[in-house]
Amino acid sequence: MRNYDVAPLYRSTVGFDRLFDLLAQADRVDPTTTWPPYNIEKVADDQYRITMAVAGFAPDEIEMTQHNNALLVSGQRKGADERQYLHRGLAGRSFRQTFNLADHVKVTGADLANGLLTVDLQREVPEALKPRRIAIGGGHSTSGQDNAPTQVEHQAQAA
């Protein structure tokens, strides 16, 4: 078991409490969260894809919900399987998987083909939150720290 002391980081960061909570949760992995198996891949700079192996599930047996920064994917078999199996290697059991998403990441699409659920994600940062260049010295300038009138202003008053 790993223990990290993040106390020094709290002194030099503001607003990263959620990140530290996620790191603390990473040590407490529940074995049921590893099923069904999945991949997370980076497709492009702001595009991601989650692929889950959900063999035996129909599209109407899988539910996806995004609430704030959490994506919940759950599967529930609807009909009772009355087949007699000699060996059952495909589990087909219910599952519930939660993915923590970064800010401004939205689900753009989902597809179920060949037993793989593919969820496409895109990071869409609003224009107001994107970095912007700030011009230096574009406005008014003062000639001194005491804001004393300049020589030009004295001549204008004398005339």
N, C-alpha and C. Protein backbone atom coordinates (compact mmCIF):
# COMPACT_ATOMS: atom_id res chain seq x y z
N MET A 1 0.85 -1.18 0.00
CA MET A 1 0.00 0.00 0.00
C MET A 1 0.89 1.24 0.00
N ARG A 2 0.56 2.19 -0.86
CA ARG A 2 1.36 3.40 -0.98
C ARG A 2 0.72 4.53 -0.19
N ASN A 3 1.55 5.26 0.51
CA ASN A 3 1.08 6.44 1.23
C ASN A 3 1.88 7.64 0.74
N TYR A 4 1.17 8.63 0.26
CA TYR A 4 1.80 9.85 -0.20
C TYR A 4 1.41 10.98 0.74
N ASP A 5 2.41 11.79 1.10
CA ASP A 5 2.13 12.95 1.92
C ASP A 5 1.99 14.15 0.99
N VAL A 6 0.77 14.59 0.79
CA VAL A 6 0.52 15.72 -0.11
C VAL A 6 0.39 17.03 0.65
N ALA A 7 0.65 17.02 1.95
CA ALA A 7 0.53 18.24 2.75
C ALA A 7 1.38 19.38 2.21
N PRO A 8 2.63 19.15 1.76
CA PRO A 8 3.41 20.27 1.22
C PRO A 8 2.77 20.88 -0.03
N LEU A 9 2.06 20.08 -0.80
CA LEU A 9 1.42 20.60 -2.00
C LEU A 9 0.25 21.51 -1.67
N TYR A 10 -0.42 21.26 -0.56
CA TYR A 10 -1.54 22.12 -0.16
C TYR A 10 -1.06 23.54 0.11
N ARG A 11 0.18 23.69 0.56
CA ARG A 11 0.69 25.02 0.89
C ARG A 11 0.94 25.88 -0.34
N SER A 12 1.18 25.25 -1.50
CA SER A 12 1.54 26.03 -2.68
C SER A 12 0.51 25.94 -3.81
N THR A 13 -0.65 25.37 -3.55
CA THR A 13 -1.67 25.27 -4.59
C THR A 13 -3.00 25.77 -4.07
N VAL A 14 -3.80 26.23 -4.98
CA VAL A 14 -5.14 26.71 -4.64
C VAL A 14 -6.13 26.06 -5.61
N GLY A 15 -7.16 25.43 -5.09
CA GLY A 15 -8.21 24.88 -5.93
C GLY A 15 -7.95 23.49 -6.46
N PHE A 16 -6.94 22.79 -5.96
CA PHE A 16 -6.64 21.45 -6.45
C PHE A 16 -7.08 20.38 -5.45
N ASP A 17 -7.99 20.72 -4.55
CA ASP A 17 -8.45 19.76 -3.56
C ASP A 17 -9.02 18.51 -4.21
N ARG A 18 -9.78 18.70 -5.27
CA ARG A 18 -10.41 17.57 -5.96
C ARG A 18 -9.36 16.61 -6.52
N LEU A 19 -8.26 17.16 -7.05
CA LEU A 19 -7.18 16.34 -7.58
C LEU A 19 -6.56 15.49 -6.48
N PHE A 20 -6.32 16.08 -5.32
CA PHE A 20 -5.73 15.33 -4.21
C PHE A 20 -6.68 14.25 -3.71
N ASP A 21 -7.98 14.54 -3.72
CA ASP A 21 -8.96 13.52 -3.33
C ASP A 21 -8.93 12.34 -4.30
N LEU A 22 -8.79 12.63 -5.59
CA LEU A 22 -8.70 11.55 -6.58
C LEU A 22 -7.45 10.70 -6.38
N LEU A 23 -6.34 11.35 -6.04
CA LEU A 23 -5.12 10.59 -5.77
C LEU A 23 -5.29 9.70 -4.55
N ALA A 24 -5.97 10.19 -3.54
CA ALA A 24 -6.20 9.39 -2.34
C ALA A 24 -7.10 8.21 -2.65
N GLN A 25 -8.07 8.38 -3.53
CA GLN A 25 -8.97 7.29 -3.89
C GLN A 25 -8.27 6.23 -4.73
N ALA A 26 -7.22 6.60 -5.44
CA ALA A 26 -6.53 5.66 -6.31
C ALA A 26 -5.92 4.50 -5.53
N ASP A 27 -5.57 4.74 -4.28
CA ASP A 27 -5.01 3.67 -3.46
C ASP A 27 -6.06 2.66 -3.02
N ARG A 28 -7.32 3.07 -3.02
CA ARG A 28 -8.40 2.19 -2.56
C ARG A 28 -9.18 1.66 -3.76
N VAL A 29 -8.56 0.79 -4.53
CA VAL A 29 -9.21 0.27 -5.73
C VAL A 29 -10.10 -0.90 -5.34
N ASP A 30 -11.34 -0.80 -5.73
CA ASP A 30 -12.31 -1.86 -5.50
C ASP A 30 -12.18 -2.87 -6.64
N PRO A 31 -12.02 -4.17 -6.33
CA PRO A 31 -11.82 -5.14 -7.41
C PRO A 31 -12.99 -5.22 -8.39
N THR A 32 -14.19 -4.83 -7.99
CA THR A 32 -15.32 -4.89 -8.91
C THR A 32 -15.26 -3.78 -9.95
N THR A 33 -14.44 -2.75 -9.74
CA THR A 33 -14.34 -1.67 -10.72
C THR A 33 -13.44 -2.03 -11.88
N THR A 34 -12.81 -3.20 -11.85
CA THR A 34 -11.95 -3.60 -12.96
C THR A 34 -12.72 -4.41 -13.99
N TRP A 35 -14.01 -4.63 -13.77
CA TRP A 35 -14.82 -5.36 -14.74
C TRP A 35 -15.98 -4.49 -15.17
N PRO A 36 -16.31 -4.39 -16.39
CA PRO A 36 -15.67 -5.02 -17.54
C PRO A 36 -14.36 -4.32 -17.89
N PRO A 37 -13.46 -5.02 -18.57
CA PRO A 37 -12.19 -4.39 -18.94
C PRO A 37 -12.41 -3.24 -19.91
N TYR A 38 -11.54 -2.25 -19.85
CA TYR A 38 -11.70 -1.07 -20.71
C TYR A 38 -10.34 -0.48 -21.05
N ASN A 39 -10.32 0.28 -22.12
CA ASN A 39 -9.16 1.07 -22.54
C ASN A 39 -9.56 2.53 -22.56
N ILE A 40 -8.60 3.38 -22.26
CA ILE A 40 -8.78 4.83 -22.41
C ILE A 40 -7.64 5.29 -23.31
N GLU A 41 -8.00 5.93 -24.42
CA GLU A 41 -6.97 6.36 -25.35
C GLU A 41 -7.14 7.83 -25.71
N LYS A 42 -6.01 8.45 -26.02
CA LYS A 42 -6.02 9.84 -26.48
C LYS A 42 -5.97 9.80 -28.00
N VAL A 43 -7.02 10.27 -28.64
CA VAL A 43 -7.15 10.22 -30.09
C VAL A 43 -6.47 11.43 -30.73
N ALA A 44 -6.66 12.61 -30.13
CA ALA A 44 -6.06 13.86 -30.61
C ALA A 44 -5.82 14.73 -29.38
N ASP A 45 -5.39 15.98 -29.60
CA ASP A 45 -5.07 16.85 -28.47
C ASP A 45 -6.23 16.99 -27.49
N ASP A 46 -7.44 17.17 -27.99
CA ASP A 46 -8.60 17.36 -27.12
C ASP A 46 -9.67 16.30 -27.34
N GLN A 47 -9.28 15.13 -27.85
CA GLN A 47 -10.25 14.05 -28.09
C GLN A 47 -9.76 12.76 -27.44
N TYR A 48 -10.70 12.07 -26.79
CA TYR A 48 -10.39 10.84 -26.07
C TYR A 48 -11.42 9.78 -26.42
N ARG A 49 -11.10 8.53 -26.13
CA ARG A 49 -12.03 7.44 -26.40
C ARG A 49 -11.90 6.39 -25.30
N ILE A 50 -13.05 5.96 -24.79
CA ILE A 50 -13.11 4.86 -23.84
C ILE A 50 -13.72 3.68 -24.58
N THR A 51 -13.07 2.53 -24.52
CA THR A 51 -13.58 1.32 -25.15
C THR A 51 -13.75 0.27 -24.07
N MET A 52 -14.98 -0.23 -23.92
CA MET A 52 -15.29 -1.23 -22.89
C MET A 52 -15.73 -2.53 -23.55
N ALA A 53 -15.25 -3.65 -23.02
CA ALA A 53 -15.65 -4.97 -23.51
C ALA A 53 -16.93 -5.38 -22.79
N VAL A 54 -18.05 -5.31 -23.49
CA VAL A 54 -19.36 -5.62 -22.90
C VAL A 54 -20.06 -6.71 -23.71
N ALA A 55 -19.35 -7.80 -23.94
CA ALA A 55 -19.89 -8.89 -24.75
C ALA A 55 -21.20 -9.41 -24.16
N GLY A 56 -22.18 -9.60 -25.02
CA GLY A 56 -23.46 -10.16 -24.60
C GLY A 56 -24.49 -9.12 -24.19
N PHE A 57 -24.13 -7.86 -24.13
CA PHE A 57 -25.07 -6.81 -23.76
C PHE A 57 -25.62 -6.14 -25.01
N ALA A 58 -26.90 -5.89 -25.01
CA ALA A 58 -27.56 -5.17 -26.11
C ALA A 58 -27.53 -3.67 -25.80
N PRO A 59 -27.68 -2.83 -26.81
CA PRO A 59 -27.66 -1.38 -26.56
C PRO A 59 -28.70 -0.92 -25.53
N ASP A 60 -29.87 -1.56 -25.49
CA ASP A 60 -30.88 -1.13 -24.53
C ASP A 60 -30.62 -1.64 -23.12
N GLU A 61 -29.58 -2.44 -22.92
CA GLU A 61 -29.22 -2.93 -21.59
C GLU A 61 -28.08 -2.13 -20.97
N ILE A 62 -27.58 -1.15 -21.71
CA ILE A 62 -26.48 -0.31 -21.23
C ILE A 62 -26.98 1.12 -21.08
N GLU A 63 -26.67 1.73 -19.97
CA GLU A 63 -27.07 3.11 -19.71
C GLU A 63 -25.84 3.96 -19.41
N MET A 64 -25.78 5.12 -20.06
CA MET A 64 -24.68 6.06 -19.81
C MET A 64 -25.26 7.38 -19.36
N THR A 65 -24.67 7.93 -18.30
CA THR A 65 -25.12 9.20 -17.75
C THR A 65 -23.90 10.05 -17.42
N GLN A 66 -23.90 11.31 -17.88
CA GLN A 66 -22.84 12.24 -17.49
C GLN A 66 -23.43 13.27 -16.57
N HIS A 67 -22.86 13.39 -15.39
CA HIS A 67 -23.29 14.40 -14.43
C HIS A 67 -22.05 15.15 -13.96
N ASN A 68 -21.99 16.43 -14.31
CA ASN A 68 -20.82 17.26 -14.03
C ASN A 68 -19.57 16.60 -14.61
N ASN A 69 -18.63 16.21 -13.75
CA ASN A 69 -17.37 15.64 -14.22
C ASN A 69 -17.32 14.13 -14.06
N ALA A 70 -18.45 13.48 -13.97
CA ALA A 70 -18.48 12.03 -13.82
C ALA A 70 -19.30 11.40 -14.94
N LEU A 71 -18.75 10.36 -15.53
CA LEU A 71 -19.47 9.58 -16.54
C LEU A 71 -19.75 8.21 -15.93
N LEU A 72 -21.01 7.86 -15.83
CA LEU A 72 -21.43 6.58 -15.27
C LEU A 72 -21.91 5.69 -16.39
N VAL A 73 -21.31 4.52 -16.51
CA VAL A 73 -21.71 3.52 -17.49
C VAL A 73 -22.15 2.29 -16.70
N SER A 74 -23.38 1.86 -16.92
CA SER A 74 -23.88 0.68 -16.19
C SER A 74 -24.58 -0.25 -17.17
N GLY A 75 -24.53 -1.52 -16.85
CA GLY A 75 -25.17 -2.53 -17.67
C GLY A 75 -25.98 -3.49 -16.81
N GLN A 76 -27.17 -3.80 -17.28
CA GLN A 76 -28.08 -4.69 -16.54
C GLN A 76 -28.76 -5.59 -17.56
N ARG A 77 -28.56 -6.89 -17.44
CA ARG A 77 -29.21 -7.84 -18.34
C ARG A 77 -30.71 -7.83 -18.06
N LYS A 78 -31.51 -7.76 -19.11
CA LYS A 78 -32.95 -7.63 -18.93
C LYS A 78 -33.66 -8.97 -18.79
N GLY A 79 -33.43 -9.88 -19.69
CA GLY A 79 -34.16 -11.14 -19.67
C GLY A 79 -33.40 -12.22 -18.91
N ALA A 80 -34.12 -13.12 -18.30
CA ALA A 80 -33.50 -14.25 -17.62
C ALA A 80 -33.03 -15.24 -18.68
N ASP A 81 -31.78 -15.63 -18.58
CA ASP A 81 -31.21 -16.56 -19.55
C ASP A 81 -31.55 -17.98 -19.11
N GLU A 82 -32.33 -18.68 -19.92
CA GLU A 82 -32.80 -20.01 -19.54
C GLU A 82 -32.02 -21.11 -20.24
N ARG A 83 -30.90 -20.76 -20.81
CA ARG A 83 -30.07 -21.77 -21.47
C ARG A 83 -29.34 -22.61 -20.44
N GLN A 84 -29.00 -23.82 -20.86
CA GLN A 84 -28.23 -24.70 -19.98
C GLN A 84 -26.78 -24.68 -20.49
N TYR A 85 -25.89 -24.14 -19.68
CA TYR A 85 -24.49 -24.00 -20.07
C TYR A 85 -23.67 -25.16 -19.53
N LEU A 86 -22.77 -25.68 -20.34
CA LEU A 86 -21.78 -26.64 -19.87
C LEU A 86 -20.55 -25.90 -19.36
N HIS A 87 -20.28 -24.76 -19.96
CA HIS A 87 -19.22 -23.87 -19.49
C HIS A 87 -19.66 -22.44 -19.78
N ARG A 88 -19.52 -21.58 -18.83
CA ARG A 88 -19.93 -20.19 -19.03
C ARG A 88 -18.73 -19.28 -18.77
N GLY A 89 -18.08 -18.86 -19.85
CA GLY A 89 -16.92 -17.98 -19.76
C GLY A 89 -17.26 -16.51 -19.91
N LEU A 90 -18.40 -16.22 -20.54
CA LEU A 90 -18.86 -14.84 -20.67
C LEU A 90 -19.72 -14.52 -19.46
N ALA A 91 -19.24 -13.62 -18.64
CA ALA A 91 -19.90 -13.39 -17.35
C ALA A 91 -21.32 -12.87 -17.50
N GLY A 92 -21.52 -11.81 -18.24
CA GLY A 92 -22.86 -11.27 -18.41
C GLY A 92 -23.46 -10.70 -17.14
N ARG A 93 -22.65 -10.47 -16.14
CA ARG A 93 -23.17 -9.92 -14.88
C ARG A 93 -23.31 -8.41 -15.00
N SER A 94 -24.13 -7.86 -14.15
CA SER A 94 -24.35 -6.41 -14.14
C SER A 94 -23.05 -5.70 -13.77
N PHE A 95 -22.91 -4.49 -14.29
CA PHE A 95 -21.72 -3.71 -13.96
C PHE A 95 -22.10 -2.25 -13.81
N ARG A 96 -21.21 -1.55 -13.15
CA ARG A 96 -21.36 -0.11 -12.92
C ARG A 96 -19.95 0.48 -12.87
N GLN A 97 -19.61 1.30 -13.84
CA GLN A 97 -18.27 1.86 -13.93
C GLN A 97 -18.37 3.39 -13.99
N THR A 98 -17.60 4.06 -13.15
CA THR A 98 -17.61 5.52 -13.12
C THR A 98 -16.25 6.03 -13.59
N PHE A 99 -16.28 6.98 -14.51
CA PHE A 99 -15.06 7.62 -15.00
C PHE A 99 -15.10 9.08 -14.57
N ASN A 100 -14.03 9.55 -13.95
CA ASN A 100 -13.93 10.96 -13.57
C ASN A 100 -13.34 11.72 -14.76
N LEU A 101 -14.07 12.68 -15.24
CA LEU A 101 -13.66 13.45 -16.40
C LEU A 101 -13.07 14.79 -15.97
N ALA A 102 -12.16 15.29 -16.78
CA ALA A 102 -11.59 16.61 -16.52
C ALA A 102 -12.65 17.67 -16.82
N ASP A 103 -12.38 18.88 -16.39
CA ASP A 103 -13.30 19.99 -16.66
C ASP A 103 -13.47 20.18 -18.17
N HIS A 104 -14.68 20.47 -18.57
CA HIS A 104 -15.06 20.78 -19.95
C HIS A 104 -14.97 19.59 -20.91
N VAL A 105 -14.90 18.36 -20.39
CA VAL A 105 -14.91 17.17 -21.25
C VAL A 105 -16.35 16.69 -21.36
N LYS A 106 -16.80 16.53 -22.59
CA LYS A 106 -18.18 16.12 -22.87
C LYS A 106 -18.18 14.87 -23.73
N VAL A 107 -19.22 14.05 -23.58
CA VAL A 107 -19.41 12.88 -24.43
C VAL A 107 -19.97 13.35 -25.77
N THR A 108 -19.31 12.97 -26.86
CA THR A 108 -19.76 13.39 -28.18
C THR A 108 -20.45 12.26 -28.93
N GLY A 109 -20.30 11.03 -28.48
CA GLY A 109 -20.96 9.93 -29.15
C GLY A 109 -20.63 8.60 -28.50
N ALA A 110 -21.45 7.60 -28.78
CA ALA A 110 -21.23 6.25 -28.27
C ALA A 110 -21.72 5.25 -29.29
N ASP A 111 -21.05 4.09 -29.35
CA ASP A 111 -21.42 3.07 -30.31
C ASP A 111 -21.14 1.71 -29.70
N LEU A 112 -21.97 0.74 -30.02
CA LEU A 112 -21.80 -0.63 -29.56
C LEU A 112 -21.71 -1.53 -30.78
N ALA A 113 -20.54 -2.12 -30.99
CA ALA A 113 -20.34 -3.01 -32.14
C ALA A 113 -19.36 -4.11 -31.75
N ASN A 114 -19.69 -5.33 -32.14
CA ASN A 114 -18.82 -6.49 -31.90
C ASN A 114 -18.45 -6.66 -30.43
N GLY A 115 -19.37 -6.37 -29.54
CA GLY A 115 -19.14 -6.56 -28.11
C GLY A 115 -18.31 -5.47 -27.46
N LEU A 116 -18.01 -4.39 -28.19
CA LEU A 116 -17.22 -3.28 -27.65
C LEU A 116 -18.06 -2.01 -27.63
N LEU A 117 -18.14 -1.41 -26.47
CA LEU A 117 -18.80 -0.11 -26.32
C LEU A 117 -17.74 0.95 -26.46
N THR A 118 -17.92 1.83 -27.43
CA THR A 118 -16.96 2.91 -27.68
C THR A 118 -17.62 4.23 -27.32
N VAL A 119 -16.98 5.00 -26.44
CA VAL A 119 -17.49 6.29 -26.00
C VAL A 119 -16.48 7.35 -26.42
N ASP A 120 -16.90 8.29 -27.26
CA ASP A 120 -16.02 9.36 -27.72
C ASP A 120 -16.22 10.59 -26.85
N LEU A 121 -15.11 11.20 -26.47
CA LEU A 121 -15.12 12.36 -25.58
C LEU A 121 -14.34 13.49 -26.24
N GLN A 122 -14.76 14.71 -25.95
CA GLN A 122 -14.06 15.89 -26.48
C GLN A 122 -13.97 16.93 -25.38
N ARG A 123 -12.82 17.55 -25.30
CA ARG A 123 -12.63 18.66 -24.36
C ARG A 123 -12.93 19.95 -25.11
N GLU A 124 -13.93 20.68 -24.64
CA GLU A 124 -14.36 21.92 -25.27
C GLU A 124 -14.26 23.05 -24.24
N VAL A 125 -13.15 23.75 -24.27
CA VAL A 125 -12.94 24.86 -23.35
C VAL A 125 -13.65 26.08 -23.90
N PRO A 126 -14.54 26.70 -23.09
CA PRO A 126 -15.23 27.91 -23.56
C PRO A 126 -14.24 29.02 -23.91
N GLU A 127 -14.61 29.83 -24.88
CA GLU A 127 -13.74 30.90 -25.35
C GLU A 127 -13.32 31.84 -24.21
N ALA A 128 -14.23 32.07 -23.28
CA ALA A 128 -13.93 32.98 -22.16
C ALA A 128 -12.86 32.41 -21.23
N LEU A 129 -12.66 31.10 -21.23
CA LEU A 129 -11.68 30.49 -20.35
C LEU A 129 -10.36 30.18 -21.04
N LYS A 130 -10.29 30.39 -22.34
CA LYS A 130 -9.03 30.14 -23.06
C LYS A 130 -8.03 31.25 -22.73
N PRO A 131 -6.75 30.94 -22.78
CA PRO A 131 -5.74 31.97 -22.52
C PRO A 131 -5.85 33.09 -23.55
N ARG A 132 -5.62 34.31 -23.10
CA ARG A 132 -5.64 35.44 -24.03
C ARG A 132 -4.41 36.30 -23.79
N ARG A 133 -3.94 36.89 -24.84
CA ARG A 133 -2.75 37.74 -24.77
C ARG A 133 -3.15 39.12 -24.28
N ILE A 134 -2.40 39.64 -23.36
CA ILE A 134 -2.67 40.96 -22.78
C ILE A 134 -1.57 41.91 -23.24
N ALA A 135 -1.96 43.00 -23.90
CA ALA A 135 -1.00 43.99 -24.38
C ALA A 135 -0.46 44.80 -23.20
N ILE A 136 0.82 45.08 -23.26
CA ILE A 136 1.47 45.86 -22.21
C ILE A 136 1.67 47.28 -22.72
N GLY A 137 1.25 48.26 -21.93
CA GLY A 137 1.46 49.65 -22.30
C GLY A 137 0.53 50.15 -23.38
N GLY A 138 -0.57 49.50 -23.60
CA GLY A 138 -1.50 49.91 -24.65
C GLY A 138 -2.37 51.08 -24.23
N GLY A 139 -2.49 51.35 -22.93
CA GLY A 139 -3.39 52.41 -22.47
C GLY A 139 -2.63 53.69 -22.21
N HIS A 140 -3.04 54.42 -21.18
CA HIS A 140 -2.38 55.69 -20.83
C HIS A 140 -1.11 55.41 -20.05
N SER A 141 -0.21 56.38 -20.04
CA SER A 141 1.03 56.23 -19.29
C SER A 141 1.24 57.47 -18.45
N THR A 142 1.85 57.31 -17.31
CA THR A 142 2.18 58.44 -16.44
C THR A 142 3.66 58.72 -16.57
N SER A 143 4.04 60.00 -16.37
CA SER A 143 5.44 60.37 -16.58
C SER A 143 6.27 60.23 -15.32
N GLY A 144 5.67 60.10 -14.19
CA GLY A 144 6.44 59.94 -12.96
C GLY A 144 5.61 59.26 -11.90
N GLN A 145 6.29 58.89 -10.83
CA GLN A 145 5.57 58.20 -9.77
C GLN A 145 4.67 59.14 -8.98
N ASP A 146 5.07 60.43 -8.92
CA ASP A 146 4.25 61.36 -8.14
C ASP A 146 3.17 62.03 -8.99
N ASN A 147 3.10 61.66 -10.26
CA ASN A 147 2.10 62.19 -11.18
C ASN A 147 2.16 63.72 -11.29
N ALA A 148 3.35 64.28 -11.19
CA ALA A 148 3.53 65.72 -11.33
C ALA A 148 3.31 66.11 -12.79
N PRO A 149 2.76 67.30 -13.04
CA PRO A 149 2.54 67.72 -14.43
C PRO A 149 3.87 67.84 -15.17
N THR A 150 3.85 67.54 -16.44
CA THR A 150 5.07 67.59 -17.25
C THR A 150 5.30 69.02 -17.73
N GLN A 151 6.46 69.24 -18.32
CA GLN A 151 6.84 70.56 -18.82
C GLN A 151 5.86 71.04 -19.89
N VAL A 152 5.35 70.13 -20.71
CA VAL A 152 4.43 70.50 -21.78
C VAL A 152 3.14 71.04 -21.18
N GLU A 153 2.67 70.47 -20.11
CA GLU A 153 1.44 70.94 -19.47
C GLU A 153 1.64 72.34 -18.87
N HIS A 154 2.85 72.64 -18.33
CA HIS A 154 3.14 73.95 -17.77
C HIS A 154 3.11 75.03 -18.84
N GLN A 155 3.65 74.70 -20.03
CA GLN A 155 3.66 75.67 -21.12
C GLN A 155 2.24 75.93 -21.63
N ALA A 156 1.43 74.96 -21.65
CA ALA A 156 0.06 75.12 -22.13
C ALA A 156 -0.71 76.02 -21.18
N GLN A 157 -0.45 75.93 -19.88
CA GLN A 157 -1.17 76.73 -18.91
C GLN A 157 -0.69 78.19 -18.96
N ALA A 158 0.58 78.43 -19.29
CA ALA A 158 1.13 79.78 -19.35
C ALA A 158 0.58 80.55 -20.54
N ALA A 159 0.22 79.91 -21.59
CA ALA A 159 -0.24 80.57 -22.80
C ALA A 159 -1.64 81.03 -22.75
